[in-house]
C-alpha atoms as a PDB file:
ATOM      1  CA  MET A   1      59.164 -24.000 -61.745  1.00  0.00           C
ATOM      2  CA  LEU A   2      55.843 -22.976 -63.425  1.00  0.00           C
ATOM      3  CA  LEU A   3      57.263 -23.875 -66.834  1.00  0.00           C
ATOM      4  CA  GLY A   4      58.371 -27.320 -65.491  1.00  0.00           C
ATOM      5  CA  PHE A   5      54.859 -27.934 -64.225  1.00  0.00           C
ATOM      6  CA  ILE A   6      53.212 -26.907 -67.282  1.00  0.00           C
ATOM      7  CA  PHE A   7      55.704 -28.831 -69.652  1.00  0.00           C
ATOM      8  CA  THR A   8      54.861 -31.755 -67.155  1.00  0.00           C
ATOM      9  CA  GLY A   9      51.285 -31.226 -68.026  1.00  0.00           C
ATOM     10  CA  PHE A  10      51.568 -31.000 -71.849  1.00  0.00           C
ATOM     11  CA  ILE A  11      53.705 -34.416 -71.765  1.00  0.00           C
ATOM     12  CA  LEU A  12      50.821 -35.939 -69.857  1.00  0.00           C
ATOM     13  CA  ILE A  13      48.312 -34.688 -72.559  1.00  0.00           C
ATOM     14  CA  VAL A  14      50.493 -35.890 -75.380  1.00  0.00           C
ATOM     15  CA  VAL A  15      50.993 -39.217 -74.118  1.00  0.00           C
ATOM     16  CA  GLY A  16      47.368 -39.793 -73.623  1.00  0.00           C
ATOM     17  CA  LEU A  17      46.775 -38.736 -77.020  1.00  0.00           C
ATOM     18  CA  LEU A  18      49.171 -41.014 -78.193  1.00  0.00           C
ATOM     19  CA  VAL A  19      48.001 -43.901 -76.172  1.00  0.00           C
ATOM     20  CA  LYS A  20      44.655 -43.921 -78.054  1.00  0.00           C
ATOM     21  CA  HIS A  21      46.274 -44.097 -81.242  1.00  0.00           C
ATOM     22  CA  TYR A  22      49.605 -46.421 -80.693  1.00  0.00           C
ATOM     23  CA  PRO A  23      47.974 -48.867 -77.914  1.00  0.00           C
ATOM     24  CA  ASN A  24      51.136 -50.439 -77.943  1.00  0.00           C
ATOM     25  CA  LEU A  25      52.616 -48.097 -75.652  1.00  0.00           C
ATOM     26  CA  LEU A  26      50.612 -49.292 -72.992  1.00  0.00           C
ATOM     27  CA  ALA A  27      52.780 -50.958 -70.377  1.00  0.00           C
ATOM     28  CA  GLY A  28      52.898 -54.902 -70.901  1.00  0.00           C
ATOM     29  CA  TYR A  29      50.358 -54.596 -73.989  1.00  0.00           C
ATOM     30  CA  ASN A  30      53.411 -54.988 -76.625  1.00  0.00           C
ATOM     31  CA  THR A  31      54.815 -57.934 -74.793  1.00  0.00           C
ATOM     32  CA  MET A  32      51.463 -59.665 -74.433  1.00  0.00           C
ATOM     33  CA  SER A  33      51.164 -62.670 -76.922  1.00  0.00           C
ATOM     34  CA  GLU A  34      48.470 -62.810 -79.959  1.00  0.00           C
ATOM     35  CA  GLU A  35      46.314 -64.885 -77.746  1.00  0.00           C
ATOM     36  CA  LYS A  36      46.386 -62.484 -74.926  1.00  0.00           C
ATOM     37  CA  LYS A  37      45.765 -59.669 -76.852  1.00  0.00           C
ATOM     38  CA  LYS A  38      42.674 -61.047 -78.247  1.00  0.00           C
ATOM     39  CA  GLU A  39      41.102 -61.149 -74.857  1.00  0.00           C
ATOM     40  CA  ILE A  40      41.674 -57.606 -74.200  1.00  0.00           C
ATOM     41  CA  ASP A  41      39.343 -54.791 -75.212  1.00  0.00           C
ATOM     42  CA  ILE A  42      42.143 -52.423 -76.155  1.00  0.00           C
ATOM     43  CA  GLU A  43      39.518 -49.825 -77.430  1.00  0.00           C
ATOM     44  CA  LYS A  44      37.988 -49.341 -73.980  1.00  0.00           C
ATOM     45  CA  VAL A  45      41.498 -49.656 -71.948  1.00  0.00           C
ATOM     46  CA  SER A  46      42.866 -47.046 -74.552  1.00  0.00           C
ATOM     47  CA  THR A  47      40.040 -45.067 -73.968  1.00  0.00           C
ATOM     48  CA  ILE A  48      40.342 -44.963 -70.265  1.00  0.00           C
ATOM     49  CA  ALA A  49      44.393 -44.468 -70.497  1.00  0.00           C
ATOM     50  CA  ARG A  50      43.707 -41.415 -72.784  1.00  0.00           C
ATOM     51  CA  ASN A  51      41.018 -39.589 -70.717  1.00  0.00           C
ATOM     52  CA  VAL A  52      42.892 -40.331 -67.487  1.00  0.00           C
ATOM     53  CA  PHE A  53      46.286 -38.915 -69.292  1.00  0.00           C
ATOM     54  CA  VAL A  54      44.699 -35.802 -70.788  1.00  0.00           C
ATOM     55  CA  LEU A  55      42.566 -34.925 -67.248  1.00  0.00           C
ATOM     56  CA  MET A  56      45.777 -35.493 -65.398  1.00  0.00           C
ATOM     57  CA  GLY A  57      47.851 -33.276 -67.602  1.00  0.00           C
ATOM     58  CA  ALA A  58      44.681 -30.472 -67.475  1.00  0.00           C
ATOM     59  CA  ALA A  59      45.001 -30.894 -63.509  1.00  0.00           C
ATOM     60  CA  VAL A  60      48.722 -30.572 -63.397  1.00  0.00           C
ATOM     61  CA  ILE A  61      48.587 -27.420 -65.862  1.00  0.00           C
ATOM     62  CA  ASP A  62      45.544 -25.680 -63.633  1.00  0.00           C
ATOM     63  CA  ALA A  63      46.989 -26.667 -60.315  1.00  0.00           C
ATOM     64  CA  SER A  64      50.321 -25.230 -61.189  1.00  0.00           C
ATOM     65  CA  ILE A  65      48.889 -21.940 -62.130  1.00  0.00           C
ATOM     66  CA  ILE A  66      46.723 -21.194 -59.229  1.00  0.00           C
ATOM     67  CA  MET A  67      49.217 -22.258 -57.129  1.00  0.00           C
ATOM     68  CA  TYR A  68      51.945 -20.129 -58.976  1.00  0.00           C
ATOM     69  CA  PHE A  69      49.560 -17.111 -58.715  1.00  0.00           C
ATOM     70  CA  PHE A  70      48.570 -17.558 -54.878  1.00  0.00           C
ATOM     71  CA  GLU A  71      52.200 -17.799 -54.013  1.00  0.00           C
ATOM     72  CA  ILE A  72      52.255 -21.298 -52.482  1.00  0.00           C
ATOM     73  CA  SER A  73      55.724 -22.303 -51.572  1.00  0.00           C
ATOM     74  CA  LYS A  74      57.693 -24.942 -54.030  1.00  0.00           C
ATOM     75  CA  LYS A  75      57.750 -27.456 -51.742  1.00  0.00           C
ATOM     76  CA  ILE A  76      53.722 -27.391 -51.560  1.00  0.00           C
ATOM     77  CA  GLN A  77      53.667 -27.179 -55.391  1.00  0.00           C
ATOM     78  CA  VAL A  78      55.647 -30.399 -55.939  1.00  0.00           C
ATOM     79  CA  ASN A  79      53.726 -32.207 -53.307  1.00  0.00           C
ATOM     80  CA  VAL A  80      50.643 -31.404 -55.028  1.00  0.00           C
ATOM     81  CA  ILE A  81      51.604 -32.029 -58.724  1.00  0.00           C
ATOM     82  CA  SER A  82      52.963 -35.203 -57.459  1.00  0.00           C
ATOM     83  CA  ALA A  83      49.672 -36.152 -55.410  1.00  0.00           C
ATOM     84  CA  ILE A  84      47.939 -35.438 -58.972  1.00  0.00           C
ATOM     85  CA  ILE A  85      49.945 -37.708 -60.916  1.00  0.00           C
ATOM     86  CA  VAL A  86      50.168 -40.746 -58.112  1.00  0.00           C
ATOM     87  CA  LEU A  87      46.148 -40.322 -57.996  1.00  0.00           C
ATOM     88  CA  GLY A  88      45.885 -40.325 -61.662  1.00  0.00           C
ATOM     89  CA  VAL A  89      47.987 -43.380 -61.886  1.00  0.00           C
ATOM     90  CA  VAL A  90      46.254 -45.484 -59.479  1.00  0.00           C
ATOM     91  CA  ILE A  91      42.597 -44.398 -61.233  1.00  0.00           C
ATOM     92  CA  LEU A  92      44.053 -45.402 -64.345  1.00  0.00           C
ATOM     93  CA  ILE A  93      44.784 -48.814 -62.901  1.00  0.00           C
ATOM     94  CA  ILE A  94      41.782 -49.212 -61.060  1.00  0.00           C
ATOM     95  CA  TRP A  95      39.461 -48.142 -64.042  1.00  0.00           C
ATOM     96  CA  SER A  96      41.716 -50.682 -66.628  1.00  0.00           C
ATOM     97  CA  ASN A  97      41.398 -53.822 -64.660  1.00  0.00           C
ATOM     98  CA  ARG A  98      37.648 -53.359 -64.694  1.00  0.00           C
ATOM     99  CA  VAL A  99      37.294 -53.419 -68.318  1.00  0.00           C
ATOM    100  CA  PRO A 100      35.667 -56.726 -69.070  1.00  0.00           C
ATOM    101  CA  LYS A 101      37.689 -59.448 -71.106  1.00  0.00           C
ATOM    102  CA  LEU A 102      36.910 -60.376 -74.449  1.00  0.00           C
ATOM    103  CA  LYS A 103      35.841 -63.789 -75.064  1.00  0.00           C
END
């Protein structure tokens, strides 16, 4: 279970780094028309996405190691890791929607 959580954390970190360099990986951005893409400050949005994904990955790895050494039950471990990911996605959506549009 520990290796699975650590692998998940590393995947989140890699996704965060990839999103910064390839913003088309963001959901919906790659299907937008060129006019809509010009209205979005993709530099800020991709930076926010990178930061949130990297922090989520680090939090998943840290939490899984801590829970492993304190011998927390597997059910609680899964719930905590799931909560970290869901909370991270909610924060990502809120923060990325607050980026002002370009004119």
